[in-house]
Amino acid sequence: MARSDPPPAIAPDESVLIAAFEGWNDAGSAASAALDHLARVWHAAPFAAVDPEPYHDFQVSRPTVSRNESGDRVVSWPETLVSTTPGPWTGDRRISLLRGIEPSMRWQNFVDEVLALAEDLGITMLLTCGALLVDAPHTRPLPTYITSEDAATRRLLNLERSDYEGPTGITGILGHEAQQRGITVISAWVGIPHYVGSPPSPMATLSILNLLERLLGVSIDKGDLRYQAEAWQRGVSDLASEDDEVAAHVRRLEDVADMMSLPEASGEAIAAEFERFLWGRNP
């Protein structure tokens, strides 16, 4: 994947479905937390849910029990929910949200169900969100990536095509099938430092929301997420300072990040610095 530059906003008449799934595609729960945040600030209303029974191994994604406001015991099953939002915009734009847990089985049938719901909503663009673990320092802006397989979309929004090859998650399968059915697909990702990949990751969630804000050309209410991200960053720095090996590793990551950010840095210089970093990790 290539690091993205801020893209122009997508057309205001697109009917957009923003999707994120807990699991393999969601390091630090950053993407699913971003969808939860959007559902709150955009006052999302449920449109339809996918029955979890055919798709989930409940020993992997277990149901949970809780009590409602009346004190009654409630069982909550792993859920894939499509919701609609009024949103803070005017005109013809429609934005829906797809928030779920990566299914354990029957992915093709699952994707068929999801895309049937997308068809009911008249979706013309799918925007998938994810997070992955990377070699990056928490003390610098987290790396973000926006890609598309659609050539016209890449030209219009100044995006790149992903060069990733290998195992994929449900977002990859959903995006591929949506593309085959004529839906424009854009993928937005954030990289999370591998040494602090446990959730929550508010700095990464904030990065995803910033990507969506630029892509959609709308303002997103971030609430206190900026303060949470700053507190997270300070907390990680405090923990790193207590371990000499981790602190040295973070400094090496900072050196690489700073080298790659220099406008005069050539591809050869970046490659040499990255190779030196790898040797430093494996003396």
C-alpha atoms as a PDB file:
ATOM      1  CA  MET A   1       0.000   0.000   0.000  1.00  0.00           C
ATOM      2  CA  ALA A   2       1.107   3.526  -0.659  1.00  0.00           C
ATOM      3  CA  ARG A   3       0.700   6.350   1.824  1.00  0.00           C
ATOM      4  CA  SER A   4      -2.201   8.540   0.759  1.00  0.00           C
ATOM      5  CA  ASP A   5      -2.356  12.258   0.140  1.00  0.00           C
ATOM      6  CA  PRO A   6      -5.523  14.168   1.054  1.00  0.00           C
ATOM      7  CA  PRO A   7      -7.948  13.385  -1.787  1.00  0.00           C
ATOM      8  CA  PRO A   8     -10.650  15.596  -3.245  1.00  0.00           C
ATOM      9  CA  ALA A   9     -14.129  14.832  -1.942  1.00  0.00           C
ATOM     10  CA  ILE A  10     -16.329  12.296  -3.700  1.00  0.00           C
ATOM     11  CA  ALA A  11     -19.352  13.554  -5.629  1.00  0.00           C
ATOM     12  CA  PRO A  12     -22.207  14.791  -3.417  1.00  0.00           C
ATOM     13  CA  ASP A  13     -24.816  12.721  -5.273  1.00  0.00           C
ATOM     14  CA  GLU A  14     -23.201   9.360  -4.452  1.00  0.00           C
ATOM     15  CA  SER A  15     -25.137   7.029  -2.173  1.00  0.00           C
ATOM     16  CA  VAL A  16     -22.364   5.783   0.116  1.00  0.00           C
ATOM     17  CA  LEU A  17     -22.155   2.753   2.392  1.00  0.00           C
ATOM     18  CA  ILE A  18     -19.340   2.983   4.969  1.00  0.00           C
ATOM     19  CA  ALA A  19     -18.341  -0.451   6.288  1.00  0.00           C
ATOM     20  CA  ALA A  20     -16.140  -1.799   9.079  1.00  0.00           C
ATOM     21  CA  PHE A  21     -15.884  -5.190  10.770  1.00  0.00           C
ATOM     22  CA  GLU A  22     -14.389  -6.283  14.055  1.00  0.00           C
ATOM     23  CA  GLY A  23     -11.712  -8.933  13.689  1.00  0.00           C
ATOM     24  CA  TRP A  24      -8.777  -9.503  11.380  1.00  0.00           C
ATOM     25  CA  ASN A  25      -9.195  -6.195   9.501  1.00  0.00           C
ATOM     26  CA  ASP A  26      -9.541  -4.096  12.651  1.00  0.00           C
ATOM     27  CA  ALA A  27      -6.323  -3.715  14.646  1.00  0.00           C
ATOM     28  CA  GLY A  28      -6.930  -1.864  17.881  1.00  0.00           C
ATOM     29  CA  SER A  29     -10.678  -1.900  17.099  1.00  0.00           C
ATOM     30  CA  ALA A  30      -9.976   1.412  15.357  1.00  0.00           C
ATOM     31  CA  ALA A  31     -12.298   0.989  12.366  1.00  0.00           C
ATOM     32  CA  SER A  32     -15.276  -0.435  14.260  1.00  0.00           C
ATOM     33  CA  ALA A  33     -14.885   2.338  16.862  1.00  0.00           C
ATOM     34  CA  ALA A  34     -14.984   4.896  14.033  1.00  0.00           C
ATOM     35  CA  LEU A  35     -18.282   3.427  12.786  1.00  0.00           C
ATOM     36  CA  ASP A  36     -19.690   3.452  16.326  1.00  0.00           C
ATOM     37  CA  HIS A  37     -18.715   7.114  16.614  1.00  0.00           C
ATOM     38  CA  LEU A  38     -20.412   7.977  13.314  1.00  0.00           C
ATOM     39  CA  ALA A  39     -23.550   6.125  14.355  1.00  0.00           C
ATOM     40  CA  ARG A  40     -23.721   8.261  17.513  1.00  0.00           C
ATOM     41  CA  VAL A  41     -22.972  11.690  16.068  1.00  0.00           C
ATOM     42  CA  TRP A  42     -25.023  11.106  12.905  1.00  0.00           C
ATOM     43  CA  HIS A  43     -27.993   9.638  14.811  1.00  0.00           C
ATOM     44  CA  ALA A  44     -28.057   6.448  12.761  1.00  0.00           C
ATOM     45  CA  ALA A  45     -31.289   4.449  12.620  1.00  0.00           C
ATOM     46  CA  PRO A  46     -31.321   0.663  12.050  1.00  0.00           C
ATOM     47  CA  PHE A  47     -32.324  -0.373   8.536  1.00  0.00           C
ATOM     48  CA  ALA A  48     -31.715  -4.134   8.585  1.00  0.00           C
ATOM     49  CA  ALA A  49     -29.635  -6.766  10.381  1.00  0.00           C
ATOM     50  CA  VAL A  50     -28.053  -9.925   8.996  1.00  0.00           C
ATOM     51  CA  ASP A  51     -29.072 -13.081  10.863  1.00  0.00           C
ATOM     52  CA  PRO A  52     -25.862 -14.270  12.592  1.00  0.00           C
ATOM     53  CA  GLU A  53     -26.872 -17.942  12.837  1.00  0.00           C
ATOM     54  CA  PRO A  54     -25.602 -19.094   9.397  1.00  0.00           C
ATOM     55  CA  TYR A  55     -22.329 -17.159   9.536  1.00  0.00           C
ATOM     56  CA  HIS A  56     -20.841 -17.169  13.028  1.00  0.00           C
ATOM     57  CA  ASP A  57     -19.181 -19.767  15.191  1.00  0.00           C
ATOM     58  CA  PHE A  58     -20.563 -18.714  18.553  1.00  0.00           C
ATOM     59  CA  GLN A  59     -17.601 -20.284  20.329  1.00  0.00           C
ATOM     60  CA  VAL A  60     -15.439 -17.702  18.529  1.00  0.00           C
ATOM     61  CA  SER A  61     -17.825 -14.738  18.566  1.00  0.00           C
ATOM     62  CA  ARG A  62     -19.800 -15.479  21.686  1.00  0.00           C
ATOM     63  CA  PRO A  63     -23.164 -13.877  22.523  1.00  0.00           C
ATOM     64  CA  THR A  64     -23.190 -11.680  25.597  1.00  0.00           C
ATOM     65  CA  VAL A  65     -25.690 -11.274  28.424  1.00  0.00           C
ATOM     66  CA  SER A  66     -26.653  -8.039  30.144  1.00  0.00           C
ATOM     67  CA  ARG A  67     -29.606  -6.367  31.781  1.00  0.00           C
ATOM     68  CA  ASN A  68     -31.777  -3.725  30.175  1.00  0.00           C
ATOM     69  CA  GLU A  69     -33.166  -0.602  31.824  1.00  0.00           C
ATOM     70  CA  SER A  70     -36.002  -2.653  33.319  1.00  0.00           C
ATOM     71  CA  GLY A  71     -33.554  -5.067  34.912  1.00  0.00           C
ATOM     72  CA  ASP A  72     -34.460  -7.933  32.591  1.00  0.00           C
ATOM     73  CA  ARG A  73     -31.719 -10.229  31.361  1.00  0.00           C
ATOM     74  CA  VAL A  74     -30.952  -9.774  27.648  1.00  0.00           C
ATOM     75  CA  VAL A  75     -28.880 -11.898  25.255  1.00  0.00           C
ATOM     76  CA  SER A  76     -27.055  -9.978  22.512  1.00  0.00           C
ATOM     77  CA  TRP A  77     -25.883 -11.969  19.502  1.00  0.00           C
ATOM     78  CA  PRO A  78     -22.996 -11.068  17.171  1.00  0.00           C
ATOM     79  CA  GLU A  79     -24.577  -8.549  14.868  1.00  0.00           C
ATOM     80  CA  THR A  80     -24.072  -7.142  11.406  1.00  0.00           C
ATOM     81  CA  LEU A  81     -26.226  -4.049  11.234  1.00  0.00           C
ATOM     82  CA  VAL A  82     -26.967  -1.725   8.342  1.00  0.00           C
ATOM     83  CA  SER A  83     -28.194   1.689   9.444  1.00  0.00           C
ATOM     84  CA  THR A  84     -29.143   4.904   7.706  1.00  0.00           C
ATOM     85  CA  THR A  85     -28.128   8.407   8.755  1.00  0.00           C
ATOM     86  CA  PRO A  86     -29.684  11.839   8.275  1.00  0.00           C
ATOM     87  CA  GLY A  87     -26.164  13.261   8.524  1.00  0.00           C
ATOM     88  CA  PRO A  88     -24.990  16.890   8.786  1.00  0.00           C
ATOM     89  CA  TRP A  89     -25.410  17.591   5.083  1.00  0.00           C
ATOM     90  CA  THR A  90     -28.008  18.804   2.642  1.00  0.00           C
ATOM     91  CA  GLY A  91     -28.953  17.826  -0.886  1.00  0.00           C
ATOM     92  CA  ASP A  92     -29.068  14.372  -2.455  1.00  0.00           C
ATOM     93  CA  ARG A  93     -26.233  12.742  -0.505  1.00  0.00           C
ATOM     94  CA  ARG A  94     -27.165   9.566   1.368  1.00  0.00           C
ATOM     95  CA  ILE A  95     -24.775   7.808   3.721  1.00  0.00           C
ATOM     96  CA  SER A  96     -25.443   4.449   5.359  1.00  0.00           C
ATOM     97  CA  LEU A  97     -23.329   2.482   7.813  1.00  0.00           C
ATOM     98  CA  LEU A  98     -22.457  -1.227   7.881  1.00  0.00           C
ATOM     99  CA  ARG A  99     -21.028  -2.359  11.215  1.00  0.00           C
ATOM    100  CA  GLY A 100     -20.410  -5.982  12.063  1.00  0.00           C
ATOM    101  CA  ILE A 101     -18.121  -8.769  13.176  1.00  0.00           C
ATOM    102  CA  GLU A 102     -16.136 -10.708  10.601  1.00  0.00           C
ATOM    103  CA  PRO A 103     -18.115 -13.921   9.982  1.00  0.00           C
ATOM    104  CA  SER A 104     -16.597 -17.332  10.651  1.00  0.00           C
ATOM    105  CA  MET A 105     -18.096 -19.137   7.640  1.00  0.00           C
ATOM    106  CA  ARG A 106     -20.091 -18.878   4.384  1.00  0.00           C
ATOM    107  CA  TRP A 107     -18.520 -15.592   3.361  1.00  0.00           C
ATOM    108  CA  GLN A 108     -19.977 -15.668  -0.153  1.00  0.00           C
ATOM    109  CA  ASN A 109     -23.528 -16.037   1.138  1.00  0.00           C
ATOM    110  CA  PHE A 110     -22.859 -13.359   3.735  1.00  0.00           C
ATOM    111  CA  VAL A 111     -21.618 -10.920   1.096  1.00  0.00           C
ATOM    112  CA  ASP A 112     -24.660 -11.699  -1.087  1.00  0.00           C
ATOM    113  CA  GLU A 113     -26.952 -10.742   1.803  1.00  0.00           C
ATOM    114  CA  VAL A 114     -25.063  -7.540   2.537  1.00  0.00           C
ATOM    115  CA  LEU A 115     -25.032  -6.447  -1.097  1.00  0.00           C
ATOM    116  CA  ALA A 116     -28.739  -7.207  -1.434  1.00  0.00           C
ATOM    117  CA  LEU A 117     -29.314  -4.707   1.391  1.00  0.00           C
ATOM    118  CA  ALA A 118     -26.999  -2.261  -0.379  1.00  0.00           C
ATOM    119  CA  GLU A 119     -29.086  -2.640  -3.522  1.00  0.00           C
ATOM    120  CA  ASP A 120     -32.260  -1.902  -1.533  1.00  0.00           C
ATOM    121  CA  LEU A 121     -30.619   1.331  -0.380  1.00  0.00           C
ATOM    122  CA  GLY A 122     -29.470   2.277  -3.889  1.00  0.00           C
ATOM    123  CA  ILE A 123     -25.807   2.258  -2.859  1.00  0.00           C
ATOM    124  CA  THR A 124     -23.434   3.458  -5.586  1.00  0.00           C
ATOM    125  CA  MET A 125     -20.213   3.606  -3.544  1.00  0.00           C
ATOM    126  CA  LEU A 126     -18.778   1.322  -0.864  1.00  0.00           C
ATOM    127  CA  LEU A 127     -16.186   2.804   1.465  1.00  0.00           C
ATOM    128  CA  THR A 128     -14.488   0.089   3.538  1.00  0.00           C
ATOM    129  CA  CYS A 129     -12.458   0.973   6.621  1.00  0.00           C
ATOM    130  CA  GLY A 130      -9.761  -1.047   8.327  1.00  0.00           C
ATOM    131  CA  ALA A 131      -6.691  -0.919  10.545  1.00  0.00           C
ATOM    132  CA  LEU A 132      -3.463  -2.911  10.433  1.00  0.00           C
ATOM    133  CA  LEU A 133      -0.333  -3.249  12.545  1.00  0.00           C
ATOM    134  CA  VAL A 134       2.725  -1.521  11.072  1.00  0.00           C
ATOM    135  CA  ASP A 135       6.272  -0.478  11.964  1.00  0.00           C
ATOM    136  CA  ALA A 136       5.466   3.121  12.839  1.00  0.00           C
ATOM    137  CA  PRO A 137       6.030   5.246  15.954  1.00  0.00           C
ATOM    138  CA  HIS A 138       3.121   6.463  18.056  1.00  0.00           C
ATOM    139  CA  THR A 139       4.852   9.856  18.349  1.00  0.00           C
ATOM    140  CA  ARG A 140       4.246  10.735  14.686  1.00  0.00           C
ATOM    141  CA  PRO A 141       1.014  11.012  12.666  1.00  0.00           C
ATOM    142  CA  LEU A 142      -0.165   7.476  11.972  1.00  0.00           C
ATOM    143  CA  PRO A 143       0.220   6.323   8.365  1.00  0.00           C
ATOM    144  CA  THR A 144      -3.030   6.299   6.396  1.00  0.00           C
ATOM    145  CA  TYR A 145      -3.848   4.712   3.069  1.00  0.00           C
ATOM    146  CA  ILE A 146      -6.667   5.248   0.587  1.00  0.00           C
ATOM    147  CA  THR A 147      -6.865   3.008  -2.466  1.00  0.00           C
ATOM    148  CA  SER A 148      -9.313   1.959  -5.161  1.00  0.00           C
ATOM    149  CA  GLU A 149      -9.398  -0.664  -7.897  1.00  0.00           C
ATOM    150  CA  ASP A 150     -11.525   1.625 -10.065  1.00  0.00           C
ATOM    151  CA  ALA A 151      -9.347   3.529 -12.537  1.00  0.00           C
ATOM    152  CA  ALA A 152     -11.794   6.417 -13.005  1.00  0.00           C
ATOM    153  CA  THR A 153     -12.064   6.896  -9.244  1.00  0.00           C
ATOM    154  CA  ARG A 154      -8.290   6.877  -8.868  1.00  0.00           C
ATOM    155  CA  ARG A 155      -7.965   9.602 -11.488  1.00  0.00           C
ATOM    156  CA  LEU A 156     -10.805  11.669 -10.041  1.00  0.00           C
ATOM    157  CA  LEU A 157      -9.669  11.510  -6.420  1.00  0.00           C
ATOM    158  CA  ASN A 158      -5.915  11.216  -6.982  1.00  0.00           C
ATOM    159  CA  LEU A 159      -5.734   7.775  -5.369  1.00  0.00           C
ATOM    160  CA  GLU A 160      -3.505   4.781  -5.922  1.00  0.00           C
ATOM    161  CA  ARG A 161      -4.167   1.125  -6.523  1.00  0.00           C
ATOM    162  CA  SER A 162      -3.287  -1.215  -3.682  1.00  0.00           C
ATOM    163  CA  ASP A 163      -0.276  -3.432  -4.406  1.00  0.00           C
ATOM    164  CA  TYR A 164      -1.152  -5.871  -1.599  1.00  0.00           C
ATOM    165  CA  GLU A 165      -1.263  -9.585  -2.415  1.00  0.00           C
ATOM    166  CA  GLY A 166      -1.952 -12.225   0.227  1.00  0.00           C
ATOM    167  CA  PRO A 167      -4.596 -13.317   2.730  1.00  0.00           C
ATOM    168  CA  THR A 168      -7.602 -11.045   2.945  1.00  0.00           C
ATOM    169  CA  GLY A 169     -10.469 -10.408   5.325  1.00  0.00           C
ATOM    170  CA  ILE A 170     -14.177  -9.912   4.864  1.00  0.00           C
ATOM    171  CA  THR A 171     -13.690  -6.274   3.800  1.00  0.00           C
ATOM    172  CA  GLY A 172     -11.531  -7.471   0.904  1.00  0.00           C
ATOM    173  CA  ILE A 173     -14.119 -10.014  -0.204  1.00  0.00           C
ATOM    174  CA  LEU A 174     -16.986  -7.553   0.166  1.00  0.00           C
ATOM    175  CA  GLY A 175     -15.097  -4.897  -1.777  1.00  0.00           C
ATOM    176  CA  HIS A 176     -14.182  -7.303  -4.579  1.00  0.00           C
ATOM    177  CA  GLU A 177     -17.748  -8.544  -5.032  1.00  0.00           C
ATOM    178  CA  ALA A 178     -19.197  -5.034  -4.843  1.00  0.00           C
ATOM    179  CA  GLN A 179     -16.792  -3.945  -7.579  1.00  0.00           C
ATOM    180  CA  GLN A 180     -17.924  -6.866  -9.731  1.00  0.00           C
ATOM    181  CA  ARG A 181     -21.511  -5.668  -9.350  1.00  0.00           C
ATOM    182  CA  GLY A 182     -20.776  -2.136 -10.506  1.00  0.00           C
ATOM    183  CA  ILE A 183     -20.407  -0.438  -7.107  1.00  0.00           C
ATOM    184  CA  THR A 184     -17.430   1.893  -6.824  1.00  0.00           C
ATOM    185  CA  VAL A 185     -15.184   0.786  -3.953  1.00  0.00           C
ATOM    186  CA  ILE A 186     -12.703   2.842  -1.936  1.00  0.00           C
ATOM    187  CA  SER A 187     -10.623   1.403   0.913  1.00  0.00           C
ATOM    188  CA  ALA A 188      -9.428   3.589   3.788  1.00  0.00           C
ATOM    189  CA  TRP A 189      -6.884   2.192   6.256  1.00  0.00           C
ATOM    190  CA  VAL A 190      -4.805   3.366   9.164  1.00  0.00           C
ATOM    191  CA  GLY A 191      -1.573   1.821  10.440  1.00  0.00           C
ATOM    192  CA  ILE A 192      -1.217   1.221  14.184  1.00  0.00           C
ATOM    193  CA  PRO A 193       2.178   0.770  15.866  1.00  0.00           C
ATOM    194  CA  HIS A 194       2.652  -2.961  16.303  1.00  0.00           C
ATOM    195  CA  TYR A 195       3.892  -2.568  19.860  1.00  0.00           C
ATOM    196  CA  VAL A 196       0.618  -0.998  21.009  1.00  0.00           C
ATOM    197  CA  GLY A 197      -2.028  -2.771  18.969  1.00  0.00           C
ATOM    198  CA  SER A 198      -4.490  -3.608  21.749  1.00  0.00           C
ATOM    199  CA  PRO A 199      -7.782  -1.705  21.793  1.00  0.00           C
ATOM    200  CA  PRO A 200      -8.821   0.954  22.257  1.00  0.00           C
ATOM    201  CA  SER A 201      -6.779   3.037  19.830  1.00  0.00           C
ATOM    202  CA  PRO A 202      -8.373   6.497  19.778  1.00  0.00           C
ATOM    203  CA  MET A 203      -5.518   8.042  17.779  1.00  0.00           C
ATOM    204  CA  ALA A 204      -6.162   5.540  14.968  1.00  0.00           C
ATOM    205  CA  THR A 205      -9.932   5.990  15.205  1.00  0.00           C
ATOM    206  CA  LEU A 206      -9.429   9.742  14.877  1.00  0.00           C
ATOM    207  CA  SER A 207      -7.216   9.166  11.821  1.00  0.00           C
ATOM    208  CA  ILE A 208      -9.957   7.122  10.123  1.00  0.00           C
ATOM    209  CA  LEU A 209     -12.542   9.805  10.834  1.00  0.00           C
ATOM    210  CA  ASN A 210     -10.209  12.421   9.360  1.00  0.00           C
ATOM    211  CA  LEU A 211      -9.896  10.306   6.202  1.00  0.00           C
ATOM    212  CA  LEU A 212     -13.673   9.984   5.936  1.00  0.00           C
ATOM    213  CA  GLU A 213     -14.094  13.700   6.530  1.00  0.00           C
ATOM    214  CA  ARG A 214     -11.812  14.523   3.601  1.00  0.00           C
ATOM    215  CA  LEU A 215     -13.271  11.866   1.321  1.00  0.00           C
ATOM    216  CA  LEU A 216     -16.873  12.852   1.967  1.00  0.00           C
ATOM    217  CA  GLY A 217     -16.252  16.585   2.124  1.00  0.00           C
ATOM    218  CA  VAL A 218     -18.257  16.900   5.346  1.00  0.00           C
ATOM    219  CA  SER A 219     -17.429  17.971   8.871  1.00  0.00           C
ATOM    220  CA  ILE A 220     -17.538  15.176  11.466  1.00  0.00           C
ATOM    221  CA  ASP A 221     -18.105  16.014  15.122  1.00  0.00           C
ATOM    222  CA  LYS A 222     -15.126  14.389  16.862  1.00  0.00           C
ATOM    223  CA  GLY A 223     -16.431  14.987  20.393  1.00  0.00           C
ATOM    224  CA  ASP A 224     -13.641  14.409  22.928  1.00  0.00           C
ATOM    225  CA  LEU A 225     -11.807  11.979  20.660  1.00  0.00           C
ATOM    226  CA  ARG A 226      -8.883  14.388  20.192  1.00  0.00           C
ATOM    227  CA  TYR A 227      -8.342  14.508  23.956  1.00  0.00           C
ATOM    228  CA  GLN A 228      -8.580  10.723  24.173  1.00  0.00           C
ATOM    229  CA  ALA A 229      -5.996  10.410  21.391  1.00  0.00           C
ATOM    230  CA  GLU A 230      -3.621  12.809  23.161  1.00  0.00           C
ATOM    231  CA  ALA A 231      -4.034  10.938  26.446  1.00  0.00           C
ATOM    232  CA  TRP A 232      -3.409   7.618  24.653  1.00  0.00           C
ATOM    233  CA  GLN A 233      -0.256   9.009  23.062  1.00  0.00           C
ATOM    234  CA  ARG A 234       1.046  10.285  26.406  1.00  0.00           C
ATOM    235  CA  GLY A 235       0.239   6.983  28.076  1.00  0.00           C
ATOM    236  CA  VAL A 236       2.115   4.986  25.444  1.00  0.00           C
ATOM    237  CA  SER A 237       5.104   7.328  25.762  1.00  0.00           C
ATOM    238  CA  ASP A 238       5.135   6.853  29.530  1.00  0.00           C
ATOM    239  CA  LEU A 239       5.053   3.061  29.160  1.00  0.00           C
ATOM    240  CA  ALA A 240       7.746   3.093  26.473  1.00  0.00           C
ATOM    241  CA  SER A 241      10.048   5.212  28.624  1.00  0.00           C
ATOM    242  CA  GLU A 242       9.983   2.538  31.330  1.00  0.00           C
ATOM    243  CA  ASP A 243      11.521  -0.084  29.034  1.00  0.00           C
ATOM    244  CA  ASP A 244      14.918   0.696  27.490  1.00  0.00           C
ATOM    245  CA  GLU A 245      14.466  -1.776  24.654  1.00  0.00           C
ATOM    246  CA  VAL A 246      11.049  -0.434  23.694  1.00  0.00           C
ATOM    247  CA  ALA A 247      12.283   3.161  23.968  1.00  0.00           C
ATOM    248  CA  ALA A 248      15.216   2.409  21.641  1.00  0.00           C
ATOM    249  CA  HIS A 249      12.856   0.706  19.202  1.00  0.00           C
ATOM    250  CA  VAL A 250      10.569   3.743  19.154  1.00  0.00           C
ATOM    251  CA  ARG A 251      13.560   6.017  18.449  1.00  0.00           C
ATOM    252  CA  ARG A 252      14.565   3.841  15.476  1.00  0.00           C
ATOM    253  CA  LEU A 253      11.004   4.003  14.149  1.00  0.00           C
ATOM    254  CA  GLU A 254      11.071   7.791  14.547  1.00  0.00           C
ATOM    255  CA  ASP A 255      14.311   7.987  12.552  1.00  0.00           C
ATOM    256  CA  VAL A 256      12.766   5.998   9.693  1.00  0.00           C
ATOM    257  CA  ALA A 257       9.529   8.014   9.777  1.00  0.00           C
ATOM    258  CA  ASP A 258      11.417  11.309   9.729  1.00  0.00           C
ATOM    259  CA  MET A 259      13.628  10.138   6.862  1.00  0.00           C
ATOM    260  CA  MET A 260      10.625   9.091   4.787  1.00  0.00           C
ATOM    261  CA  SER A 261       8.880  12.420   5.400  1.00  0.00           C
ATOM    262  CA  LEU A 262      11.734  14.524   3.989  1.00  0.00           C
ATOM    263  CA  PRO A 263      10.807  15.984   0.579  1.00  0.00           C
ATOM    264  CA  GLU A 264      14.354  15.442  -0.691  1.00  0.00           C
ATOM    265  CA  ALA A 265      14.479  11.793   0.396  1.00  0.00           C
ATOM    266  CA  SER A 266      15.076   9.537  -2.600  1.00  0.00           C
ATOM    267  CA  GLY A 267      13.728   6.032  -2.948  1.00  0.00           C
ATOM    268  CA  GLU A 268      17.241   4.644  -2.518  1.00  0.00           C
ATOM    269  CA  ALA A 269      17.827   6.656   0.663  1.00  0.00           C
ATOM    270  CA  ILE A 270      14.541   5.512   2.140  1.00  0.00           C
ATOM    271  CA  ALA A 271      15.298   1.890   1.247  1.00  0.00           C
ATOM    272  CA  ALA A 272      18.763   2.135   2.791  1.00  0.00           C
ATOM    273  CA  GLU A 273      17.409   3.658   5.987  1.00  0.00           C
ATOM    274  CA  PHE A 274      14.690   1.014   6.210  1.00  0.00           C
ATOM    275  CA  GLU A 275      17.265  -1.751   5.673  1.00  0.00           C
ATOM    276  CA  ARG A 276      19.407  -0.259   8.445  1.00  0.00           C
ATOM    277  CA  PHE A 277      16.344  -0.230  10.695  1.00  0.00           C
ATOM    278  CA  LEU A 278      15.659  -3.905   9.976  1.00  0.00           C
ATOM    279  CA  TRP A 279      19.250  -4.837  10.769  1.00  0.00           C
ATOM    280  CA  GLY A 280      18.936  -2.893  14.000  1.00  0.00           C
ATOM    281  CA  ARG A 281      15.938  -5.025  14.952  1.00  0.00           C
ATOM    282  CA  ASN A 282      17.801  -8.251  14.183  1.00  0.00           C
ATOM    283  CA  PRO A 283      21.439  -7.809  15.197  1.00  0.00           C
END
